[in-house]
Amino acid sequence: MKLSRLKGRKTSERLLRDGKVWKGRTLVVRYEMGLPKNQRVNTVTQGLFVGALISAKTEKSAVKRNRMRRRCKEALRREVKIKSKLPTMQLLLMPRRSSLTCDFAEIEEDVRAFLSHVS
C-alpha cells in the first residue's frame, strides 16, 4: 500500500477538529476513514494519506522537530510495507517529545498497535 501526502490546511484542521484520536507512548494519531475531501485531481483512489504536525511548543529546535517527524513517518512506512490490507484513511501524526530520544523499535511498536486498532 502506498503512502500519499495529506495536503492542505483545511484538511489538517478538519482532522484536528473531527478526527478520531489514538494515543500511544511516542505519538498521537488523529485519523478518519476514506479519501480526503479536497483532492481535486487525484489518481490515487486508495492508500494512506499521511501528514505530520508538531508544535514549536513541544520542541524549540526545528532540527529536532523534523527528526521526530521523520522517525514517525519512517516507522509507519515500514509497518505499512509489511501489512498488505489496510483501509483507505487520512492520518495526522503528532509525535510526542519522547519520540526524539526513545528507541526506534518503540515507535514501530506504537505504529503497529495503531494499525491493529484500525484494521
Foldseek 3Di string as FASTA:
>chain_A
DDEAADDDPVQVVCQVVPFDWDDDPWKIKGKDFADGPPPDDDPDRADEHEEEDEDCVQPVDPVLVVVLVVLLVVLLVVVCVVDPDAGGMYMYIYTHNVSSPDDSVRSNVSSVVVRVVRD
